[in-house]
C-alpha atoms as a PDB file:
ATOM      1  CA  MET A   1       0.057  -0.045  -0.206  1.00  0.00           C
ATOM      2  CA  LYS A   2       3.101   2.565   1.177  1.00  0.00           C
ATOM      3  CA  ARG A   3       4.230   1.436  -2.075  1.00  0.00           C
ATOM      4  CA  ASN A   4       1.576   2.699  -4.217  1.00  0.00           C
ATOM      5  CA  ASP A   5       1.218   6.015  -2.287  1.00  0.00           C
ATOM      6  CA  SER A   6       5.012   6.750  -2.897  1.00  0.00           C
ATOM      7  CA  GLU A   7       4.246   5.790  -6.920  1.00  0.00           C
ATOM      8  CA  HIS A   8       1.340   8.166  -6.656  1.00  0.00           C
ATOM      9  CA  GLU A   9       2.930  10.902  -4.870  1.00  0.00           C
ATOM     10  CA  ARG A  10       5.943  10.490  -7.296  1.00  0.00           C
ATOM     11  CA  THR A  11       3.516  10.767  -9.913  1.00  0.00           C
ATOM     12  CA  MET A  12       1.451  13.569  -8.880  1.00  0.00           C
ATOM     13  CA  LEU A  13       5.169  15.650  -8.649  1.00  0.00           C
ATOM     14  CA  GLN A  14       6.164  14.820 -12.039  1.00  0.00           C
ATOM     15  CA  ALA A  15       2.531  16.479 -13.082  1.00  0.00           C
ATOM     16  CA  ALA A  16       3.286  19.581 -10.963  1.00  0.00           C
ATOM     17  CA  PHE A  17       6.965  20.047 -12.075  1.00  0.00           C
ATOM     18  CA  VAL A  18       5.696  19.693 -15.991  1.00  0.00           C
ATOM     19  CA  ALA A  19       2.878  22.319 -15.712  1.00  0.00           C
ATOM     20  CA  GLY A  20       5.377  24.505 -13.590  1.00  0.00           C
ATOM     21  CA  TRP A  21       7.472  24.551 -16.317  1.00  0.00           C
ATOM     22  CA  LYS A  22       5.032  25.296 -19.004  1.00  0.00           C
ATOM     23  CA  ALA A  23       3.324  27.979 -17.062  1.00  0.00           C
ATOM     24  CA  GLY A  24       6.817  29.390 -16.894  1.00  0.00           C
ATOM     25  CA  SER A  25       7.817  29.207 -20.326  1.00  0.00           C
ATOM     26  CA  VAL A  26       7.659  32.304 -22.785  1.00  0.00           C
ATOM     27  CA  GLU A  27       7.535  32.020 -27.003  1.00  0.00           C
ATOM     28  CA  LEU A  28      10.976  33.616 -28.078  1.00  0.00           C
ATOM     29  CA  PRO A  29      11.302  34.411 -31.947  1.00  0.00           C
ATOM     30  CA  TYR A  30      14.027  31.870 -32.846  1.00  0.00           C
ATOM     31  CA  LEU A  31      15.261  34.874 -35.232  1.00  0.00           C
ATOM     32  CA  LEU A  32      15.483  37.022 -32.807  1.00  0.00           C
ATOM     33  CA  LEU A  33      18.545  34.768 -31.370  1.00  0.00           C
ATOM     34  CA  LYS A  34      20.094  34.190 -34.911  1.00  0.00           C
ATOM     35  CA  HIS A  35      20.028  37.190 -36.071  1.00  0.00           C
ATOM     36  CA  TYR A  36      20.119  40.295 -33.186  1.00  0.00           C
ATOM     37  CA  SER A  37      23.872  40.605 -34.333  1.00  0.00           C
ATOM     38  CA  GLN A  38      23.299  41.536 -37.946  1.00  0.00           C
ATOM     39  CA  LEU A  39      20.790  44.075 -36.097  1.00  0.00           C
ATOM     40  CA  LYS A  40      23.516  45.695 -34.577  1.00  0.00           C
ATOM     41  CA  LEU A  41      22.015  44.697 -30.823  1.00  0.00           C
ATOM     42  CA  ASN A  42      24.426  43.355 -27.729  1.00  0.00           C
ATOM     43  CA  GLU A  43      23.066  40.542 -24.999  1.00  0.00           C
ATOM     44  CA  THR A  44      22.251  43.220 -22.805  1.00  0.00           C
ATOM     45  CA  GLU A  45      19.525  44.559 -25.487  1.00  0.00           C
ATOM     46  CA  VAL A  46      18.008  41.286 -26.243  1.00  0.00           C
ATOM     47  CA  MET A  47      17.825  40.070 -22.731  1.00  0.00           C
ATOM     48  CA  LEU A  48      15.929  43.388 -22.030  1.00  0.00           C
ATOM     49  CA  MET A  49      13.360  42.535 -24.872  1.00  0.00           C
ATOM     50  CA  ILE A  50      12.866  39.009 -23.722  1.00  0.00           C
ATOM     51  CA  HIS A  51      12.032  40.521 -20.205  1.00  0.00           C
ATOM     52  CA  VAL A  52       9.467  42.960 -21.884  1.00  0.00           C
ATOM     53  CA  MET A  53       8.094  40.188 -23.867  1.00  0.00           C
ATOM     54  CA  ALA A  54       7.972  37.782 -21.195  1.00  0.00           C
ATOM     55  CA  LEU A  55       6.195  40.539 -18.748  1.00  0.00           C
ATOM     56  CA  LYS A  56       3.540  41.259 -21.929  1.00  0.00           C
ATOM     57  CA  GLU A  57       2.645  37.531 -22.234  1.00  0.00           C
ATOM     58  CA  LYS A  58       2.756  36.073 -18.552  1.00  0.00           C
ATOM     59  CA  GLU A  59       1.981  38.746 -16.600  1.00  0.00           C
ATOM     60  CA  GLN A  60      -0.372  41.299 -18.586  1.00  0.00           C
ATOM     61  CA  LYS A  61       2.173  44.432 -18.016  1.00  0.00           C
ATOM     62  CA  GLY A  62       2.712  45.507 -21.783  1.00  0.00           C
ATOM     63  CA  PHE A  63       4.407  48.561 -20.827  1.00  0.00           C
ATOM     64  CA  PRO A  64       6.398  47.718 -17.313  1.00  0.00           C
ATOM     65  CA  THR A  65       8.466  50.261 -15.285  1.00  0.00           C
ATOM     66  CA  LEU A  66      11.931  51.120 -15.277  1.00  0.00           C
ATOM     67  CA  ASP A  67      11.529  49.426 -11.679  1.00  0.00           C
ATOM     68  CA  GLU A  68      10.221  46.191 -12.902  1.00  0.00           C
ATOM     69  CA  LEU A  69      12.753  46.054 -15.862  1.00  0.00           C
ATOM     70  CA  GLN A  70      15.816  46.762 -13.172  1.00  0.00           C
ATOM     71  CA  GLY A  71      14.597  44.528 -10.806  1.00  0.00           C
ATOM     72  CA  ARG A  72      15.005  41.501 -13.490  1.00  0.00           C
ATOM     73  CA  MET A  73      18.025  42.773 -15.070  1.00  0.00           C
ATOM     74  CA  SER A  74      22.051  42.587 -13.530  1.00  0.00           C
ATOM     75  CA  ILE A  75      22.513  46.387 -14.650  1.00  0.00           C
ATOM     76  CA  PRO A  76      22.258  49.738 -13.181  1.00  0.00           C
ATOM     77  CA  PRO A  77      19.320  51.658 -14.151  1.00  0.00           C
ATOM     78  CA  GLU A  78      20.707  54.009 -16.324  1.00  0.00           C
ATOM     79  CA  LYS A  79      21.782  51.155 -18.863  1.00  0.00           C
ATOM     80  CA  VAL A  80      18.355  49.838 -18.712  1.00  0.00           C
ATOM     81  CA  ILE A  81      17.136  53.334 -19.857  1.00  0.00           C
ATOM     82  CA  ALA A  82      20.267  53.691 -22.498  1.00  0.00           C
ATOM     83  CA  ALA A  83      19.387  49.865 -23.777  1.00  0.00           C
ATOM     84  CA  LEU A  84      15.626  51.375 -23.728  1.00  0.00           C
ATOM     85  CA  GLN A  85      16.147  54.356 -25.869  1.00  0.00           C
ATOM     86  CA  LYS A  86      18.185  52.533 -28.619  1.00  0.00           C
ATOM     87  CA  LEU A  87      15.565  49.936 -29.004  1.00  0.00           C
ATOM     88  CA  LEU A  88      13.271  53.085 -29.830  1.00  0.00           C
ATOM     89  CA  VAL A  89      15.773  55.077 -31.820  1.00  0.00           C
ATOM     90  CA  GLN A  90      16.649  52.470 -34.264  1.00  0.00           C
ATOM     91  CA  GLY A  91      13.282  51.865 -34.522  1.00  0.00           C
ATOM     92  CA  LEU A  92      12.788  48.361 -33.517  1.00  0.00           C
ATOM     93  CA  MET A  93      10.015  48.978 -31.371  1.00  0.00           C
ATOM     94  CA  THR A  94       7.464  51.508 -30.704  1.00  0.00           C
ATOM     95  CA  ILE A  95       5.351  52.727 -27.748  1.00  0.00           C
ATOM     96  CA  ASP A  96       1.352  52.633 -28.449  1.00  0.00           C
ATOM     97  CA  GLU A  97      -0.956  54.447 -26.988  1.00  0.00           C
ATOM     98  CA  HIS A  98      -4.571  53.078 -25.678  1.00  0.00           C
ATOM     99  CA  ILE A  99      -7.553  54.700 -24.798  1.00  0.00           C
ATOM    100  CA  ASN A 100     -10.255  52.692 -22.979  1.00  0.00           C
ATOM    101  CA  PRO A 101     -13.894  53.696 -24.872  1.00  0.00           C
ATOM    102  CA  GLN A 102     -15.644  52.765 -21.616  1.00  0.00           C
ATOM    103  CA  SER A 103     -13.411  54.244 -18.709  1.00  0.00           C
ATOM    104  CA  GLY A 104     -11.775  56.760 -21.258  1.00  0.00           C
ATOM    105  CA  LEU A 105      -8.259  55.902 -19.416  1.00  0.00           C
ATOM    106  CA  GLN A 106      -5.039  55.991 -21.857  1.00  0.00           C
ATOM    107  CA  SER A 107      -2.256  53.522 -21.253  1.00  0.00           C
ATOM    108  CA  GLU A 108       0.702  52.491 -23.012  1.00  0.00           C
ATOM    109  CA  THR A 109       2.369  49.483 -24.897  1.00  0.00           C
ATOM    110  CA  TYR A 110       5.618  48.372 -25.984  1.00  0.00           C
ATOM    111  CA  ASN A 111       5.397  47.264 -29.935  1.00  0.00           C
ATOM    112  CA  PHE A 112       7.642  44.812 -30.952  1.00  0.00           C
ATOM    113  CA  SER A 113       5.974  44.872 -34.735  1.00  0.00           C
ATOM    114  CA  PRO A 114       8.998  46.823 -36.421  1.00  0.00           C
ATOM    115  CA  LEU A 115      11.373  44.246 -34.952  1.00  0.00           C
ATOM    116  CA  PHE A 116       9.490  41.388 -36.692  1.00  0.00           C
ATOM    117  CA  GLU A 117       9.622  43.183 -39.606  1.00  0.00           C
ATOM    118  CA  ARG A 118      13.231  43.793 -39.952  1.00  0.00           C
ATOM    119  CA  LEU A 119      13.517  40.037 -38.889  1.00  0.00           C
ATOM    120  CA  ALA A 120      11.208  38.988 -41.814  1.00  0.00           C
ATOM    121  CA  GLY A 121      13.848  40.982 -43.816  1.00  0.00           C
ATOM    122  CA  CYS A 122      16.513  38.914 -41.869  1.00  0.00           C
ATOM    123  CA  TRP A 123      14.610  35.184 -42.962  1.00  0.00           C
ATOM    124  CA  TYR A 124      13.945  36.931 -46.576  1.00  0.00           C
ATOM    125  CA  ASP A 125      18.047  37.282 -47.119  1.00  0.00           C
ATOM    126  CA  ASP A 126      18.508  33.600 -45.938  1.00  0.00           C
ATOM    127  CA  MET A 127      15.941  32.428 -47.992  1.00  0.00           C
ATOM    128  CA  ILE A 128      17.650  33.969 -51.297  1.00  0.00           C
ATOM    129  CA  ALA A 129      20.982  33.205 -50.121  1.00  0.00           C
ATOM    130  CA  GLN A 130      20.224  29.608 -49.261  1.00  0.00           C
ATOM    131  CA  ARG A 131      18.325  29.301 -52.949  1.00  0.00           C
ATOM    132  CA  ASN A 132      21.532  30.496 -55.051  1.00  0.00           C
ATOM    133  CA  GLU A 133      23.400  27.951 -53.040  1.00  0.00           C
ATOM    134  CA  ARG A 134      20.856  25.316 -54.595  1.00  0.00           C
ATOM    135  CA  GLU A 135      21.073  27.024 -58.025  1.00  0.00           C
ATOM    136  CA  PRO A 136      24.614  27.633 -59.609  1.00  0.00           C
ATOM    137  CA  ALA A 137      24.457  29.704 -61.958  1.00  0.00           C
ATOM    138  CA  GLU A 138      24.808  27.071 -65.117  1.00  0.00           C
ATOM    139  CA  PRO A 139      22.770  29.496 -67.684  1.00  0.00           C
ATOM    140  CA  ALA A 140      25.887  31.988 -67.759  1.00  0.00           C
ATOM    141  CA  VAL A 141      28.758  29.219 -67.723  1.00  0.00           C
ATOM    142  CA  ARG A 142      26.573  27.354 -71.015  1.00  0.00           C
ATOM    143  CA  ASN A 143      26.127  29.962 -72.712  1.00  0.00           C
ATOM    144  CA  ASP A 144      30.092  30.872 -72.472  1.00  0.00           C
ATOM    145  CA  ILE A 145      31.047  26.936 -73.731  1.00  0.00           C
ATOM    146  CA  PHE A 146      28.549  27.441 -76.518  1.00  0.00           C
ATOM    147  CA  SER A 147      29.854  30.919 -77.768  1.00  0.00           C
ATOM    148  CA  ILE A 148      33.500  29.178 -77.684  1.00  0.00           C
ATOM    149  CA  PHE A 149      32.361  26.155 -79.843  1.00  0.00           C
ATOM    150  CA  GLU A 150      30.639  28.962 -82.111  1.00  0.00           C
ATOM    151  CA  LYS A 151      33.775  30.679 -82.407  1.00  0.00           C
ATOM    152  CA  GLU A 152      35.906  28.170 -83.428  1.00  0.00           C
ATOM    153  CA  PHE A 153      33.904  26.373 -85.858  1.00  0.00           C
ATOM    154  CA  GLY A 154      33.516  29.234 -87.345  1.00  0.00           C
ATOM    155  CA  ARG A 155      29.715  29.361 -87.667  1.00  0.00           C
ATOM    156  CA  PRO A 156      26.626  28.738 -85.339  1.00  0.00           C
ATOM    157  CA  LEU A 157      25.877  25.944 -83.893  1.00  0.00           C
ATOM    158  CA  THR A 158      23.316  23.097 -84.930  1.00  0.00           C
ATOM    159  CA  PRO A 159      20.415  21.987 -82.722  1.00  0.00           C
ATOM    160  CA  MET A 160      22.027  18.465 -82.707  1.00  0.00           C
ATOM    161  CA  GLU A 161      25.508  19.914 -81.652  1.00  0.00           C
ATOM    162  CA  LEU A 162      24.326  21.947 -78.933  1.00  0.00           C
ATOM    163  CA  GLU A 163      22.336  18.608 -77.687  1.00  0.00           C
ATOM    164  CA  SER A 164      25.536  17.100 -78.022  1.00  0.00           C
ATOM    165  CA  ILE A 165      27.507  19.632 -75.734  1.00  0.00           C
ATOM    166  CA  THR A 166      24.658  19.607 -73.075  1.00  0.00           C
ATOM    167  CA  GLY A 167      24.950  15.628 -73.264  1.00  0.00           C
ATOM    168  CA  TRP A 168      28.540  15.966 -72.142  1.00  0.00           C
ATOM    169  CA  LEU A 169      27.465  17.912 -69.131  1.00  0.00           C
ATOM    170  CA  ASP A 170      24.627  17.142 -68.389  1.00  0.00           C
ATOM    171  CA  LYS A 171      24.550  12.881 -68.961  1.00  0.00           C
ATOM    172  CA  ASP A 172      28.134  12.015 -69.165  1.00  0.00           C
ATOM    173  CA  GLN A 173      29.129  14.701 -66.266  1.00  0.00           C
ATOM    174  CA  TYR A 174      32.335  16.174 -67.775  1.00  0.00           C
ATOM    175  CA  PRO A 175      33.536  19.256 -66.567  1.00  0.00           C
ATOM    176  CA  GLU A 176      33.053  22.302 -68.593  1.00  0.00           C
ATOM    177  CA  GLN A 177      36.929  22.638 -68.442  1.00  0.00           C
ATOM    178  CA  LEU A 178      37.534  19.327 -69.604  1.00  0.00           C
ATOM    179  CA  ILE A 179      35.410  19.874 -72.180  1.00  0.00           C
ATOM    180  CA  LEU A 180      36.983  23.066 -73.459  1.00  0.00           C
ATOM    181  CA  ALA A 181      40.164  21.062 -73.291  1.00  0.00           C
ATOM    182  CA  GLY A 182      39.104  18.700 -75.605  1.00  0.00           C
ATOM    183  CA  LEU A 183      37.879  20.965 -78.295  1.00  0.00           C
ATOM    184  CA  LYS A 184      41.448  22.386 -78.174  1.00  0.00           C
ATOM    185  CA  GLU A 185      42.994  18.975 -78.526  1.00  0.00           C
ATOM    186  CA  ALA A 186      40.584  19.301 -81.764  1.00  0.00           C
ATOM    187  CA  VAL A 187      41.588  21.924 -83.497  1.00  0.00           C
ATOM    188  CA  PHE A 188      45.199  21.359 -82.651  1.00  0.00           C
ATOM    189  CA  ALA A 189      44.911  18.195 -84.700  1.00  0.00           C
ATOM    190  CA  GLY A 190      42.864  19.761 -87.185  1.00  0.00           C
ATOM    191  CA  LYS A 191      39.947  17.648 -86.556  1.00  0.00           C
ATOM    192  CA  VAL A 192      37.174  19.961 -85.297  1.00  0.00           C
ATOM    193  CA  HIS A 193      33.591  18.241 -85.721  1.00  0.00           C
ATOM    194  CA  PHE A 194      32.163  16.753 -82.762  1.00  0.00           C
ATOM    195  CA  ARG A 195      33.086  12.837 -83.298  1.00  0.00           C
ATOM    196  CA  TYR A 196      36.283  13.681 -83.221  1.00  0.00           C
ATOM    197  CA  ILE A 197      35.877  15.575 -79.618  1.00  0.00           C
ATOM    198  CA  ASP A 198      33.255  12.621 -78.104  1.00  0.00           C
ATOM    199  CA  ARG A 199      36.322  10.112 -79.157  1.00  0.00           C
ATOM    200  CA  ILE A 200      39.076  12.188 -77.337  1.00  0.00           C
ATOM    201  CA  LEU A 201      36.454  12.914 -74.182  1.00  0.00           C
ATOM    202  CA  LEU A 202      35.413   8.818 -74.107  1.00  0.00           C
ATOM    203  CA  GLU A 203      39.584   8.206 -74.151  1.00  0.00           C
ATOM    204  CA  TRP A 204      39.979  10.317 -70.983  1.00  0.00           C
ATOM    205  CA  SER A 205      37.161   8.997 -69.130  1.00  0.00           C
ATOM    206  CA  ARG A 206      38.518   5.567 -70.023  1.00  0.00           C
ATOM    207  CA  ASN A 207      41.797   6.760 -68.497  1.00  0.00           C
ATOM    208  CA  ARG A 208      40.376   8.328 -65.442  1.00  0.00           C
ATOM    209  CA  ILE A 209      41.130  11.584 -66.529  1.00  0.00           C
ATOM    210  CA  THR A 210      39.157  14.660 -64.597  1.00  0.00           C
ATOM    211  CA  THR A 211      41.232  17.937 -64.773  1.00  0.00           C
ATOM    212  CA  VAL A 212      42.785  19.471 -67.799  1.00  0.00           C
ATOM    213  CA  GLU A 213      46.253  19.010 -66.148  1.00  0.00           C
ATOM    214  CA  GLN A 214      45.873  15.311 -66.548  1.00  0.00           C
ATOM    215  CA  ALA A 215      44.600  15.864 -70.120  1.00  0.00           C
ATOM    216  CA  LYS A 216      47.595  17.819 -71.002  1.00  0.00           C
ATOM    217  CA  GLU A 217      49.631  15.039 -69.488  1.00  0.00           C
ATOM    218  CA  HIS A 218      48.366  12.086 -71.462  1.00  0.00           C
ATOM    219  CA  SER A 219      47.988  14.156 -74.677  1.00  0.00           C
ATOM    220  CA  GLN A 220      51.402  14.625 -74.104  1.00  0.00           C
ATOM    221  CA  LYS A 221      52.783  11.186 -73.936  1.00  0.00           C
ATOM    222  CA  PHE A 222      50.298   9.973 -76.746  1.00  0.00           C
ATOM    223  CA  ARG A 223      52.637  12.219 -78.785  1.00  0.00           C
ATOM    224  CA  SER A 224      55.664  10.859 -77.663  1.00  0.00           C
ATOM    225  CA  ILE A 225      55.024   7.842 -78.376  1.00  0.00           C
ATOM    226  CA  ARG A 226      53.787   8.189 -81.641  1.00  0.00           C
END
């Protein structure tokens, strides 16, 4: 019987602890923790904002007094005032005025909407940067390689020739510089046509040649043997 009472007491204490933990948590924007240095904020200013948000969320104090804020911080009052002024001057928060329609009493509250707008801008910049990393500038590279081939051939490329270059890049996964090295080899040999270039690239692939330097060494050895 005592064992059951002990287990019941333990369960109740655990439930009380979890309930207390949940009651003591405050929702914070992750982007604030990630980007506050980009907004030129220091840890003291961020901690001050966290206290203001917590007082508003948990104690319904939208405009806490200086004494209330200073009582939760480990810095002197003048630094609390300086931090508040900086946040207001930089436009990261505003002070909104409200009038109760029934009582006519006026109240004030801190508004962090400007901060969230700035953080949204940081999020957008991150998204664009990640998109650019996932999407390398292939079109510009391919336009360059096509124009180089047309210059060496002295004419516009045919659709089949364009398809051949695209196949080397996409299907065969030949590096662009290696394809251009194959073109130079064909020009040097006086055999400027796609079948010859394709044979060169295939020969290099069979010999596990993946760089221009390796291709040059292979060509020099081949010429010396001949």
